[in-house]
Amino acid sequence: MESDLTFIGLFLQASFVVQLIMLLLLSVSIASWTFIFQRTKALNAADKEMRQFEDKFWSGADLNRLYQELSARSDVKGMANIFCAGFKEFVRLRKGSTPVNGIVDGTYRAMRVSMSRQVEELESRLPFLATAGSISPYIGLFGTVWGIMNAFIALGEVQQATLAMVAPGIAEALIATAIGLFAAIPAVIAYNRFSHKVEKLENSYGNFMEEFSAILQRQASTAQPQ
């Protein structure tokens, strides 16, 4: 009986365990690519929003007017969200006659909480990509070992072994490793790339917090009597 050495043919001829592993790895690959496209879009949007906000903030816009403009929107994210959180806390503490140091510390804490939430949102799905990149080759390797083991068990049951008898079993087993690598490599590349982007955005958010805190400290010192 001739063996079909195409991908579909080898998949259909594989044992149930190897078929299950192949389907699992294909599902992981599809999910990885879905998250890769989602994260690419989200991180590019976050970078664009950050640059637009920085241009507006450093153009000398009135902070009260900028805060009111952003507060009226329901889709404020990233650096703009950090600004809103900090400025809102600054106004609240200043109305309560809080000392300058207390105003600055409270404002910074509010911005820190906001930044943590923004970074957490940016890192969404990255753990899945890291996990997929780490374990997919091992799952594929397990499928390969299982398939080769079955191929040699079947080979031991015949009197005369030929290459034509061994090749299909080994080929179908090796496909599991190939699919594992196909799922892992893009996930690892994407994870490293996205992690670097998130780190850059987080650094930019941190720098803005420091600069904005200095501006608010000067305003608070000017407003309060010495």
N, C-alpha and C. Protein backbone atom coordinates (compact mmCIF):
# COMPACT_ATOMS: atom_id res chain seq x y z
N MET A 1 0.84 -1.20 0.00
CA MET A 1 0.00 0.00 0.00
C MET A 1 0.88 1.25 0.00
N GLU A 2 0.62 2.14 -0.95
CA GLU A 2 1.41 3.35 -1.10
C GLU A 2 1.00 4.38 -0.06
N SER A 3 1.97 5.08 0.47
CA SER A 3 1.68 6.10 1.47
C SER A 3 1.61 7.46 0.81
N ASP A 4 0.67 8.26 1.26
CA ASP A 4 0.55 9.64 0.78
C ASP A 4 1.49 10.51 1.60
N LEU A 5 2.53 11.05 0.95
CA LEU A 5 3.54 11.81 1.68
C LEU A 5 3.25 13.31 1.67
N THR A 6 2.04 13.71 1.27
CA THR A 6 1.67 15.12 1.39
C THR A 6 1.35 15.43 2.85
N PHE A 7 1.26 16.71 3.15
CA PHE A 7 1.00 17.11 4.54
C PHE A 7 -0.33 16.54 5.03
N ILE A 8 -1.38 16.69 4.22
CA ILE A 8 -2.70 16.19 4.62
C ILE A 8 -2.67 14.67 4.76
N GLY A 9 -1.99 14.01 3.80
CA GLY A 9 -1.92 12.55 3.86
C GLY A 9 -1.19 12.06 5.10
N LEU A 10 -0.07 12.70 5.43
CA LEU A 10 0.69 12.30 6.62
C LEU A 10 -0.11 12.59 7.89
N PHE A 11 -0.86 13.70 7.88
CA PHE A 11 -1.68 14.02 9.05
C PHE A 11 -2.76 12.95 9.26
N LEU A 12 -3.40 12.54 8.17
CA LEU A 12 -4.46 11.54 8.28
C LEU A 12 -3.93 10.17 8.68
N GLN A 13 -2.68 9.89 8.29
CA GLN A 13 -2.09 8.59 8.61
C GLN A 13 -1.49 8.55 10.02
N ALA A 14 -1.29 9.73 10.62
CA ALA A 14 -0.65 9.79 11.94
C ALA A 14 -1.56 9.18 13.00
N SER A 15 -0.94 8.82 14.11
CA SER A 15 -1.71 8.28 15.24
C SER A 15 -2.56 9.38 15.86
N PHE A 16 -3.53 8.98 16.67
CA PHE A 16 -4.45 9.96 17.27
C PHE A 16 -3.70 10.98 18.13
N VAL A 17 -2.71 10.53 18.89
CA VAL A 17 -1.96 11.44 19.77
C VAL A 17 -1.22 12.48 18.94
N VAL A 18 -0.55 12.04 17.86
CA VAL A 18 0.19 12.98 17.02
C VAL A 18 -0.77 13.95 16.32
N GLN A 19 -1.93 13.44 15.88
CA GLN A 19 -2.92 14.32 15.27
C GLN A 19 -3.40 15.38 16.27
N LEU A 20 -3.62 14.95 17.50
CA LEU A 20 -4.07 15.88 18.54
C LEU A 20 -3.01 16.96 18.79
N ILE A 21 -1.75 16.56 18.83
CA ILE A 21 -0.65 17.51 19.05
C ILE A 21 -0.55 18.49 17.88
N MET A 22 -0.69 17.99 16.66
CA MET A 22 -0.65 18.87 15.49
C MET A 22 -1.77 19.91 15.53
N LEU A 23 -2.99 19.46 15.87
CA LEU A 23 -4.13 20.37 15.95
C LEU A 23 -3.93 21.41 17.05
N LEU A 24 -3.37 20.96 18.18
CA LEU A 24 -3.09 21.88 19.29
C LEU A 24 -2.10 22.96 18.86
N LEU A 25 -1.03 22.54 18.18
CA LEU A 25 -0.01 23.48 17.75
C LEU A 25 -0.53 24.43 16.68
N LEU A 26 -1.37 23.93 15.79
CA LEU A 26 -1.97 24.81 14.78
C LEU A 26 -2.88 25.84 15.45
N SER A 27 -3.61 25.41 16.49
CA SER A 27 -4.47 26.35 17.23
C SER A 27 -3.63 27.42 17.93
N VAL A 28 -2.53 26.99 18.52
CA VAL A 28 -1.62 27.95 19.18
C VAL A 28 -1.06 28.93 18.17
N SER A 29 -0.69 28.44 16.99
CA SER A 29 -0.15 29.30 15.95
C SER A 29 -1.18 30.34 15.48
N ILE A 30 -2.42 29.89 15.28
CA ILE A 30 -3.48 30.81 14.85
C ILE A 30 -3.74 31.88 15.93
N ALA A 31 -3.80 31.44 17.19
CA ALA A 31 -4.00 32.38 18.29
C ALA A 31 -2.84 33.37 18.39
N SER A 32 -1.61 32.88 18.20
CA SER A 32 -0.43 33.74 18.26
C SER A 32 -0.48 34.83 17.19
N TRP A 33 -0.79 34.42 15.97
CA TRP A 33 -0.86 35.40 14.88
C TRP A 33 -1.98 36.41 15.10
N THR A 34 -3.10 35.95 15.67
CA THR A 34 -4.19 36.87 15.99
C THR A 34 -3.73 37.91 17.00
N PHE A 35 -3.05 37.46 18.06
CA PHE A 35 -2.57 38.39 19.08
C PHE A 35 -1.44 39.28 18.54
N ILE A 36 -0.64 38.76 17.63
CA ILE A 36 0.43 39.56 17.03
C ILE A 36 -0.15 40.74 16.27
N PHE A 37 -1.18 40.49 15.48
CA PHE A 37 -1.81 41.58 14.73
C PHE A 37 -2.49 42.57 15.67
N GLN A 38 -3.15 42.06 16.72
CA GLN A 38 -3.82 42.93 17.69
C GLN A 38 -2.82 43.82 18.43
N ARG A 39 -1.74 43.20 18.91
CA ARG A 39 -0.75 43.97 19.66
C ARG A 39 -0.01 44.97 18.77
N THR A 40 0.26 44.59 17.53
CA THR A 40 0.90 45.53 16.61
C THR A 40 0.06 46.77 16.44
N LYS A 41 -1.23 46.57 16.23
CA LYS A 41 -2.15 47.70 16.06
C LYS A 41 -2.23 48.54 17.34
N ALA A 42 -2.34 47.87 18.49
CA ALA A 42 -2.50 48.58 19.76
C ALA A 42 -1.24 49.38 20.13
N LEU A 43 -0.07 48.80 19.94
CA LEU A 43 1.18 49.48 20.30
C LEU A 43 1.48 50.63 19.34
N ASN A 44 1.19 50.43 18.07
CA ASN A 44 1.37 51.53 17.12
C ASN A 44 0.44 52.69 17.45
N ALA A 45 -0.80 52.36 17.83
CA ALA A 45 -1.76 53.40 18.22
C ALA A 45 -1.30 54.13 19.48
N ALA A 46 -0.76 53.37 20.46
CA ALA A 46 -0.28 53.98 21.70
C ALA A 46 0.89 54.92 21.43
N ASP A 47 1.79 54.52 20.54
CA ASP A 47 2.92 55.38 20.20
C ASP A 47 2.46 56.65 19.49
N LYS A 48 1.50 56.51 18.60
CA LYS A 48 0.98 57.67 17.88
C LYS A 48 0.27 58.63 18.83
N GLU A 49 -0.56 58.08 19.72
CA GLU A 49 -1.27 58.92 20.70
C GLU A 49 -0.30 59.65 21.61
N MET A 50 0.78 58.97 22.01
CA MET A 50 1.77 59.59 22.88
C MET A 50 2.44 60.78 22.19
N ARG A 51 2.80 60.60 20.93
CA ARG A 51 3.47 61.69 20.20
C ARG A 51 2.52 62.87 19.99
N GLN A 52 1.26 62.58 19.70
CA GLN A 52 0.28 63.65 19.51
C GLN A 52 0.07 64.42 20.80
N PHE A 53 -0.02 63.69 21.93
CA PHE A 53 -0.20 64.38 23.22
C PHE A 53 1.03 65.21 23.57
N GLU A 54 2.21 64.66 23.36
CA GLU A 54 3.44 65.41 23.67
C GLU A 54 3.52 66.70 22.86
N ASP A 55 3.16 66.62 21.59
CA ASP A 55 3.18 67.84 20.75
C ASP A 55 2.23 68.89 21.31
N LYS A 56 1.05 68.44 21.74
CA LYS A 56 0.06 69.39 22.27
C LYS A 56 0.49 69.92 23.64
N PHE A 57 1.02 69.04 24.48
CA PHE A 57 1.41 69.44 25.83
C PHE A 57 2.56 70.44 25.82
N TRP A 58 3.59 70.15 25.02
CA TRP A 58 4.77 71.00 25.00
C TRP A 58 4.65 72.20 24.06
N SER A 59 3.47 72.34 23.44
CA SER A 59 3.26 73.52 22.58
C SER A 59 2.88 74.74 23.41
N GLY A 60 2.76 74.56 24.72
CA GLY A 60 2.44 75.69 25.60
C GLY A 60 0.96 75.83 25.87
N ALA A 61 0.20 74.75 25.66
CA ALA A 61 -1.24 74.79 25.89
C ALA A 61 -1.53 74.98 27.37
N ASP A 62 -2.63 75.69 27.66
CA ASP A 62 -3.05 75.89 29.05
C ASP A 62 -3.43 74.54 29.65
N LEU A 63 -2.88 74.24 30.83
CA LEU A 63 -3.10 72.92 31.43
C LEU A 63 -4.56 72.69 31.80
N ASN A 64 -5.23 73.74 32.32
CA ASN A 64 -6.64 73.59 32.68
C ASN A 64 -7.49 73.29 31.45
N ARG A 65 -7.23 74.00 30.37
CA ARG A 65 -8.00 73.79 29.15
C ARG A 65 -7.71 72.41 28.57
N LEU A 66 -6.44 72.01 28.61
CA LEU A 66 -6.06 70.69 28.10
C LEU A 66 -6.73 69.59 28.91
N TYR A 67 -6.76 69.77 30.24
CA TYR A 67 -7.40 68.77 31.09
C TYR A 67 -8.90 68.67 30.80
N GLN A 68 -9.56 69.80 30.65
CA GLN A 68 -10.99 69.80 30.36
C GLN A 68 -11.28 69.15 29.01
N GLU A 69 -10.43 69.43 28.05
CA GLU A 69 -10.61 68.85 26.73
C GLU A 69 -10.49 67.33 26.77
N LEU A 70 -9.48 66.84 27.49
CA LEU A 70 -9.26 65.40 27.57
C LEU A 70 -10.31 64.72 28.44
N SER A 71 -10.75 65.39 29.51
CA SER A 71 -11.74 64.80 30.41
C SER A 71 -13.08 64.59 29.71
N ALA A 72 -13.35 65.39 28.69
CA ALA A 72 -14.61 65.25 27.97
C ALA A 72 -14.63 64.03 27.06
N ARG A 73 -13.46 63.44 26.84
CA ARG A 73 -13.38 62.26 25.98
C ARG A 73 -13.45 60.99 26.83
N SER A 74 -13.95 59.94 26.21
CA SER A 74 -14.09 58.65 26.93
C SER A 74 -13.01 57.65 26.52
N ASP A 75 -12.15 58.04 25.56
CA ASP A 75 -11.15 57.10 25.04
C ASP A 75 -9.73 57.55 25.33
N VAL A 76 -9.55 58.26 26.45
CA VAL A 76 -8.22 58.77 26.79
C VAL A 76 -7.35 57.63 27.30
N LYS A 77 -6.18 57.46 26.69
CA LYS A 77 -5.27 56.39 27.07
C LYS A 77 -3.84 56.91 27.12
N GLY A 78 -2.96 56.04 27.60
CA GLY A 78 -1.53 56.33 27.56
C GLY A 78 -1.14 57.55 28.35
N MET A 79 -0.27 58.37 27.76
CA MET A 79 0.27 59.54 28.44
C MET A 79 -0.81 60.56 28.78
N ALA A 80 -1.82 60.68 27.92
CA ALA A 80 -2.92 61.61 28.20
C ALA A 80 -3.67 61.18 29.45
N ASN A 81 -3.84 59.88 29.65
CA ASN A 81 -4.53 59.38 30.83
C ASN A 81 -3.71 59.65 32.09
N ILE A 82 -2.40 59.50 31.97
CA ILE A 82 -1.50 59.80 33.10
C ILE A 82 -1.58 61.28 33.46
N PHE A 83 -1.60 62.13 32.45
CA PHE A 83 -1.73 63.57 32.68
C PHE A 83 -3.02 63.89 33.40
N CYS A 84 -4.13 63.32 32.94
CA CYS A 84 -5.44 63.59 33.55
C CYS A 84 -5.47 63.14 35.01
N ALA A 85 -4.91 61.96 35.28
CA ALA A 85 -4.89 61.45 36.66
C ALA A 85 -4.07 62.36 37.56
N GLY A 86 -2.92 62.80 37.06
CA GLY A 86 -2.05 63.67 37.85
C GLY A 86 -2.65 65.05 38.07
N PHE A 87 -3.19 65.64 37.02
CA PHE A 87 -3.72 66.99 37.14
C PHE A 87 -4.97 67.01 38.02
N LYS A 88 -5.80 65.98 37.90
CA LYS A 88 -7.00 65.90 38.74
C LYS A 88 -6.63 65.83 40.22
N GLU A 89 -5.63 65.02 40.55
CA GLU A 89 -5.18 64.91 41.94
C GLU A 89 -4.52 66.20 42.41
N PHE A 90 -3.81 66.85 41.51
CA PHE A 90 -3.15 68.12 41.83
C PHE A 90 -4.19 69.18 42.22
N VAL A 91 -5.25 69.28 41.43
CA VAL A 91 -6.30 70.27 41.71
C VAL A 91 -6.99 69.94 43.03
N ARG A 92 -7.26 68.65 43.26
CA ARG A 92 -7.95 68.25 44.49
C ARG A 92 -7.12 68.56 45.73
N LEU A 93 -5.83 68.26 45.68
CA LEU A 93 -4.96 68.49 46.84
C LEU A 93 -4.71 69.98 47.06
N ARG A 94 -4.62 70.72 45.99
CA ARG A 94 -4.37 72.15 46.14
C ARG A 94 -5.57 72.86 46.77
N LYS A 95 -6.78 72.39 46.45
CA LYS A 95 -7.98 72.98 47.06
C LYS A 95 -8.04 72.69 48.55
N GLY A 96 -7.42 71.61 48.98
CA GLY A 96 -7.44 71.24 50.39
C GLY A 96 -6.32 71.85 51.19
N SER A 97 -5.60 72.82 50.64
CA SER A 97 -4.49 73.52 51.31
C SER A 97 -3.41 72.54 51.79
N THR A 98 -3.15 71.53 50.97
CA THR A 98 -2.10 70.56 51.29
C THR A 98 -0.73 71.20 51.06
N PRO A 99 0.26 70.89 51.91
CA PRO A 99 1.62 71.42 51.68
C PRO A 99 2.16 71.03 50.31
N VAL A 100 3.13 71.79 49.83
CA VAL A 100 3.67 71.58 48.48
C VAL A 100 4.20 70.15 48.32
N ASN A 101 4.97 69.68 49.30
CA ASN A 101 5.51 68.33 49.20
C ASN A 101 4.40 67.27 49.14
N GLY A 102 3.34 67.50 49.92
CA GLY A 102 2.21 66.58 49.90
C GLY A 102 1.49 66.58 48.56
N ILE A 103 1.38 67.76 47.96
CA ILE A 103 0.74 67.88 46.65
C ILE A 103 1.55 67.13 45.60
N VAL A 104 2.85 67.33 45.61
CA VAL A 104 3.73 66.69 44.62
C VAL A 104 3.72 65.18 44.79
N ASP A 105 3.82 64.72 46.04
CA ASP A 105 3.83 63.27 46.30
C ASP A 105 2.51 62.62 45.90
N GLY A 106 1.41 63.27 46.27
CA GLY A 106 0.10 62.72 45.93
C GLY A 106 -0.13 62.68 44.43
N THR A 107 0.28 63.73 43.76
CA THR A 107 0.14 63.78 42.30
C THR A 107 0.97 62.70 41.63
N TYR A 108 2.19 62.52 42.13
CA TYR A 108 3.07 61.51 41.53
C TYR A 108 2.51 60.10 41.74
N ARG A 109 1.95 59.84 42.93
CA ARG A 109 1.36 58.53 43.20
C ARG A 109 0.18 58.26 42.27
N ALA A 110 -0.64 59.27 42.05
CA ALA A 110 -1.80 59.11 41.15
C ALA A 110 -1.33 58.80 39.74
N MET A 111 -0.27 59.48 39.30
CA MET A 111 0.25 59.23 37.95
C MET A 111 0.90 57.85 37.87
N ARG A 112 1.54 57.44 38.95
CA ARG A 112 2.17 56.12 38.98
C ARG A 112 1.13 55.01 38.85
N VAL A 113 0.01 55.14 39.55
CA VAL A 113 -1.06 54.16 39.45
C VAL A 113 -1.62 54.12 38.03
N SER A 114 -1.83 55.30 37.46
CA SER A 114 -2.34 55.37 36.09
C SER A 114 -1.36 54.73 35.11
N MET A 115 -0.07 55.00 35.29
CA MET A 115 0.93 54.43 34.40
C MET A 115 0.96 52.91 34.50
N SER A 116 0.83 52.39 35.71
CA SER A 116 0.83 50.93 35.89
C SER A 116 -0.32 50.29 35.13
N ARG A 117 -1.49 50.95 35.17
CA ARG A 117 -2.64 50.42 34.44
C ARG A 117 -2.42 50.48 32.93
N GLN A 118 -1.82 51.56 32.46
CA GLN A 118 -1.57 51.70 31.02
C GLN A 118 -0.56 50.65 30.54
N VAL A 119 0.49 50.44 31.31
CA VAL A 119 1.50 49.45 30.94
C VAL A 119 0.91 48.04 30.98
N GLU A 120 0.07 47.79 31.98
CA GLU A 120 -0.58 46.47 32.08
C GLU A 120 -1.44 46.21 30.84
N GLU A 121 -2.11 47.24 30.37
CA GLU A 121 -2.94 47.09 29.17
C GLU A 121 -2.07 46.86 27.94
N LEU A 122 -0.93 47.56 27.86
CA LEU A 122 -0.02 47.38 26.73
C LEU A 122 0.57 45.98 26.70
N GLU A 123 0.79 45.40 27.89
CA GLU A 123 1.40 44.07 27.98
C GLU A 123 0.38 42.94 27.82
N SER A 124 -0.87 43.30 27.58
CA SER A 124 -1.91 42.28 27.39
C SER A 124 -1.53 41.34 26.25
N ARG A 125 -1.70 40.04 26.46
CA ARG A 125 -1.43 38.97 25.49
C ARG A 125 0.05 38.63 25.36
N LEU A 126 0.94 39.45 25.90
CA LEU A 126 2.36 39.13 25.78
C LEU A 126 2.73 37.85 26.54
N PRO A 127 2.16 37.60 27.73
CA PRO A 127 2.47 36.32 28.40
C PRO A 127 2.10 35.10 27.55
N PHE A 128 0.99 35.20 26.80
CA PHE A 128 0.61 34.07 25.94
C PHE A 128 1.67 33.84 24.87
N LEU A 129 2.16 34.92 24.25
CA LEU A 129 3.19 34.78 23.22
C LEU A 129 4.47 34.19 23.80
N ALA A 130 4.82 34.62 25.02
CA ALA A 130 6.02 34.08 25.66
C ALA A 130 5.86 32.59 25.94
N THR A 131 4.68 32.21 26.43
CA THR A 131 4.41 30.81 26.73
C THR A 131 4.40 29.97 25.45
N ALA A 132 3.74 30.49 24.42
CA ALA A 132 3.68 29.77 23.14
C ALA A 132 5.08 29.57 22.56
N GLY A 133 5.89 30.60 22.64
CA GLY A 133 7.25 30.50 22.12
C GLY A 133 8.12 29.54 22.91
N SER A 134 7.82 29.38 24.19
CA SER A 134 8.63 28.52 25.05
C SER A 134 8.26 27.04 24.93
N ILE A 135 6.95 26.77 24.93
CA ILE A 135 6.54 25.36 25.04
C ILE A 135 6.20 24.69 23.71
N SER A 136 5.93 25.47 22.66
CA SER A 136 5.54 24.86 21.38
C SER A 136 6.58 23.88 20.84
N PRO A 137 7.88 24.22 20.86
CA PRO A 137 8.87 23.24 20.37
C PRO A 137 8.86 21.94 21.17
N TYR A 138 8.63 22.04 22.47
CA TYR A 138 8.62 20.83 23.30
C TYR A 138 7.39 19.98 23.03
N ILE A 139 6.25 20.64 22.81
CA ILE A 139 5.04 19.88 22.45
C ILE A 139 5.25 19.19 21.11
N GLY A 140 5.85 19.91 20.16
CA GLY A 140 6.14 19.30 18.86
C GLY A 140 7.13 18.15 18.98
N LEU A 141 8.12 18.33 19.84
CA LEU A 141 9.10 17.27 20.05
C LEU A 141 8.45 16.03 20.68
N PHE A 142 7.52 16.25 21.58
CA PHE A 142 6.79 15.13 22.17
C PHE A 142 6.04 14.35 21.09
N GLY A 143 5.40 15.09 20.18
CA GLY A 143 4.70 14.44 19.07
C GLY A 143 5.64 13.65 18.19
N THR A 144 6.83 14.20 17.95
CA THR A 144 7.82 13.50 17.14
C THR A 144 8.29 12.21 17.81
N VAL A 145 8.61 12.32 19.08
CA VAL A 145 9.06 11.13 19.83
C VAL A 145 7.96 10.06 19.83
N TRP A 146 6.73 10.48 20.06
CA TRP A 146 5.62 9.53 20.08
C TRP A 146 5.45 8.86 18.72
N GLY A 147 5.53 9.67 17.65
CA GLY A 147 5.36 9.12 16.30
C GLY A 147 6.47 8.17 15.92
N ILE A 148 7.72 8.51 16.23
CA ILE A 148 8.85 7.64 15.91
C ILE A 148 8.78 6.36 16.73
N MET A 149 8.36 6.49 17.98
CA MET A 149 8.22 5.30 18.83
C MET A 149 7.20 4.33 18.22
N ASN A 150 6.07 4.87 17.78
CA ASN A 150 5.06 4.02 17.15
C ASN A 150 5.56 3.41 15.85
N ALA A 151 6.36 4.20 15.09
CA ALA A 151 6.89 3.70 13.82
C ALA A 151 7.83 2.52 14.07
N PHE A 152 8.66 2.61 15.09
CA PHE A 152 9.60 1.51 15.37
C PHE A 152 8.90 0.31 15.98
N ILE A 153 7.83 0.57 16.75
CA ILE A 153 7.06 -0.56 17.28
C ILE A 153 6.42 -1.34 16.13
N ALA A 154 5.86 -0.60 15.17
CA ALA A 154 5.26 -1.25 14.00
C ALA A 154 6.32 -1.95 13.16
N LEU A 155 7.51 -1.38 13.10
CA LEU A 155 8.60 -1.96 12.32
C LEU A 155 9.06 -3.28 12.94
N GLY A 156 8.99 -3.36 14.27
CA GLY A 156 9.43 -4.57 14.94
C GLY A 156 8.48 -5.74 14.74
N GLU A 157 7.29 -5.47 14.25
CA GLU A 157 6.31 -6.52 14.05
C GLU A 157 6.41 -7.18 12.68
N VAL A 158 7.29 -6.66 11.81
CA VAL A 158 7.45 -7.25 10.46
C VAL A 158 8.78 -7.99 10.40
N GLN A 159 8.86 -8.95 9.49
CA GLN A 159 10.09 -9.75 9.35
C GLN A 159 11.17 -9.02 8.57
N GLN A 160 10.77 -8.30 7.54
CA GLN A 160 11.76 -7.62 6.70
C GLN A 160 11.41 -6.13 6.62
N ALA A 161 12.30 -5.31 7.14
CA ALA A 161 12.05 -3.86 7.17
C ALA A 161 12.65 -3.21 5.93
N THR A 162 11.92 -2.26 5.39
CA THR A 162 12.40 -1.48 4.24
C THR A 162 12.25 0.00 4.55
N LEU A 163 12.99 0.81 3.79
CA LEU A 163 12.91 2.26 3.98
C LEU A 163 11.51 2.78 3.69
N ALA A 164 10.83 2.18 2.72
CA ALA A 164 9.48 2.60 2.37
C ALA A 164 8.51 2.40 3.53
N MET A 165 8.81 1.44 4.40
CA MET A 165 7.95 1.20 5.56
C MET A 165 8.23 2.19 6.69
N VAL A 166 9.48 2.61 6.81
CA VAL A 166 9.87 3.48 7.92
C VAL A 166 9.61 4.95 7.61
N ALA A 167 9.85 5.34 6.36
CA ALA A 167 9.82 6.76 5.98
C ALA A 167 8.52 7.47 6.33
N PRO A 168 7.34 6.93 5.98
CA PRO A 168 6.10 7.66 6.29
C PRO A 168 5.91 7.91 7.78
N GLY A 169 6.22 6.93 8.61
CA GLY A 169 6.06 7.10 10.05
C GLY A 169 6.98 8.17 10.61
N ILE A 170 8.23 8.17 10.14
CA ILE A 170 9.18 9.19 10.61
C ILE A 170 8.79 10.57 10.09
N ALA A 171 8.34 10.62 8.83
CA ALA A 171 7.95 11.90 8.23
C ALA A 171 6.78 12.52 8.99
N GLU A 172 5.78 11.72 9.29
CA GLU A 172 4.61 12.25 10.01
C GLU A 172 4.97 12.68 11.42
N ALA A 173 5.96 12.00 12.01
CA ALA A 173 6.41 12.38 13.35
C ALA A 173 7.16 13.71 13.31
N LEU A 174 8.00 13.88 12.29
CA LEU A 174 8.80 15.11 12.21
C LEU A 174 7.94 16.33 11.90
N ILE A 175 6.77 16.12 11.29
CA ILE A 175 5.88 17.24 11.01
C ILE A 175 5.46 17.91 12.31
N ALA A 176 5.30 17.13 13.37
CA ALA A 176 4.91 17.72 14.67
C ALA A 176 5.96 18.71 15.15
N THR A 177 7.24 18.37 14.99
CA THR A 177 8.30 19.31 15.38
C THR A 177 8.28 20.54 14.50
N ALA A 178 8.06 20.33 13.19
CA ALA A 178 8.01 21.46 12.26
C ALA A 178 6.89 22.43 12.62
N ILE A 179 5.72 21.88 12.95
CA ILE A 179 4.60 22.75 13.33
C ILE A 179 4.90 23.46 14.64
N GLY A 180 5.57 22.75 15.56
CA GLY A 180 5.95 23.38 16.83
C GLY A 180 6.86 24.57 16.62
N LEU A 181 7.84 24.42 15.72
CA LEU A 181 8.74 25.53 15.41
C LEU A 181 8.00 26.65 14.68
N PHE A 182 7.07 26.26 13.80
CA PHE A 182 6.28 27.25 13.07
C PHE A 182 5.45 28.10 14.03
N ALA A 183 4.98 27.49 15.11
CA ALA A 183 4.20 28.23 16.11
C ALA A 183 5.10 29.04 17.03
N ALA A 184 6.28 28.52 17.33
CA ALA A 184 7.14 29.15 18.34
C ALA A 184 7.92 30.35 17.81
N ILE A 185 8.49 30.22 16.61
CA ILE A 185 9.40 31.26 16.11
C ILE A 185 8.72 32.63 15.99
N PRO A 186 7.55 32.74 15.32
CA PRO A 186 6.90 34.06 15.26
C PRO A 186 6.51 34.58 16.64
N ALA A 187 6.10 33.68 17.54
CA ALA A 187 5.70 34.11 18.88
C ALA A 187 6.88 34.70 19.65
N VAL A 188 8.05 34.07 19.54
CA VAL A 188 9.24 34.57 20.24
C VAL A 188 9.68 35.92 19.67
N ILE A 189 9.71 36.01 18.34
CA ILE A 189 10.11 37.27 17.69
C ILE A 189 9.16 38.39 18.08
N ALA A 190 7.85 38.11 18.02
CA ALA A 190 6.85 39.13 18.35
C ALA A 190 6.96 39.53 19.82
N TYR A 191 7.15 38.54 20.70
CA TYR A 191 7.24 38.86 22.13
C TYR A 191 8.42 39.79 22.41
N ASN A 192 9.58 39.48 21.84
CA ASN A 192 10.76 40.33 22.06
C ASN A 192 10.54 41.74 21.50
N ARG A 193 9.94 41.80 20.32
CA ARG A 193 9.69 43.10 19.69
C ARG A 193 8.69 43.92 20.49
N PHE A 194 7.60 43.29 20.91
CA PHE A 194 6.59 44.01 21.67
C PHE A 194 7.09 44.41 23.05
N SER A 195 7.87 43.54 23.68
CA SER A 195 8.42 43.88 24.99
C SER A 195 9.31 45.12 24.91
N HIS A 196 10.10 45.20 23.84
CA HIS A 196 10.96 46.37 23.64
C HIS A 196 10.12 47.63 23.43
N LYS A 197 9.03 47.51 22.67
CA LYS A 197 8.15 48.66 22.44
C LYS A 197 7.49 49.11 23.73
N VAL A 198 7.01 48.16 24.51
CA VAL A 198 6.36 48.49 25.79
C VAL A 198 7.36 49.16 26.73
N GLU A 199 8.58 48.66 26.74
CA GLU A 199 9.62 49.25 27.61
C GLU A 199 9.91 50.70 27.20
N LYS A 200 9.96 50.95 25.90
CA LYS A 200 10.20 52.32 25.42
C LYS A 200 9.05 53.24 25.81
N LEU A 201 7.81 52.75 25.65
CA LEU A 201 6.66 53.56 26.03
C LEU A 201 6.65 53.82 27.53
N GLU A 202 6.98 52.79 28.32
CA GLU A 202 7.01 52.95 29.77
C GLU A 202 8.06 53.97 30.19
N ASN A 203 9.21 53.95 29.54
CA ASN A 203 10.26 54.94 29.84
C ASN A 203 9.79 56.35 29.49
N SER A 204 9.08 56.47 28.36
CA SER A 204 8.56 57.78 27.96
C SER A 204 7.53 58.27 28.96
N TYR A 205 6.68 57.36 29.42
CA TYR A 205 5.69 57.73 30.44
C TYR A 205 6.38 58.18 31.72
N GLY A 206 7.42 57.45 32.13
CA GLY A 206 8.15 57.80 33.35
C GLY A 206 8.83 59.15 33.23
N ASN A 207 9.43 59.43 32.09
CA ASN A 207 10.07 60.74 31.88
C ASN A 207 9.06 61.87 31.92
N PHE A 208 7.89 61.62 31.33
CA PHE A 208 6.84 62.65 31.35
C PHE A 208 6.38 62.90 32.78
N MET A 209 6.24 61.85 33.57
CA MET A 209 5.82 62.01 34.96
C MET A 209 6.79 62.88 35.73
N GLU A 210 8.09 62.66 35.52
CA GLU A 210 9.09 63.46 36.22
C GLU A 210 9.01 64.93 35.81
N GLU A 211 8.89 65.17 34.52
CA GLU A 211 8.84 66.54 34.01
C GLU A 211 7.55 67.24 34.44
N PHE A 212 6.44 66.51 34.36
CA PHE A 212 5.16 67.10 34.75
C PHE A 212 5.11 67.38 36.24
N SER A 213 5.70 66.49 37.04
CA SER A 213 5.76 66.71 38.49
C SER A 213 6.54 67.98 38.81
N ALA A 214 7.62 68.22 38.07
CA ALA A 214 8.42 69.44 38.30
C ALA A 214 7.60 70.69 37.96
N ILE A 215 6.82 70.62 36.89
CA ILE A 215 5.97 71.76 36.50
C ILE A 215 4.92 72.03 37.59
N LEU A 216 4.28 70.96 38.07
CA LEU A 216 3.25 71.12 39.09
C LEU A 216 3.84 71.60 40.41
N GLN A 217 5.05 71.18 40.71
CA GLN A 217 5.70 71.64 41.95
C GLN A 217 5.94 73.15 41.89
N ARG A 218 6.37 73.63 40.73
CA ARG A 218 6.59 75.08 40.57
C ARG A 218 5.27 75.84 40.71
N GLN A 219 4.20 75.28 40.12
CA GLN A 219 2.90 75.93 40.22
C GLN A 219 2.40 75.95 41.67
N ALA A 220 2.58 74.83 42.37
CA ALA A 220 2.12 74.75 43.76
C ALA A 220 2.92 75.71 44.65
N SER A 221 4.21 75.82 44.41
CA SER A 221 5.06 76.71 45.21
C SER A 221 4.70 78.16 44.97
N THR A 222 4.34 78.50 43.74
CA THR A 222 3.96 79.87 43.40
C THR A 222 2.63 80.24 44.02
N ALA A 223 1.70 79.26 44.02
CA ALA A 223 0.35 79.54 44.50
C ALA A 223 0.28 79.67 46.01
N GLN A 224 1.16 78.96 46.74
CA GLN A 224 1.08 78.95 48.20
C GLN A 224 2.03 79.99 48.77
N PRO A 225 1.60 80.68 49.83
CA PRO A 225 2.47 81.66 50.50
C PRO A 225 3.63 80.98 51.19
N GLN A 226 4.77 81.60 51.17
CA GLN A 226 5.96 81.02 51.78
C GLN A 226 5.96 81.30 53.29
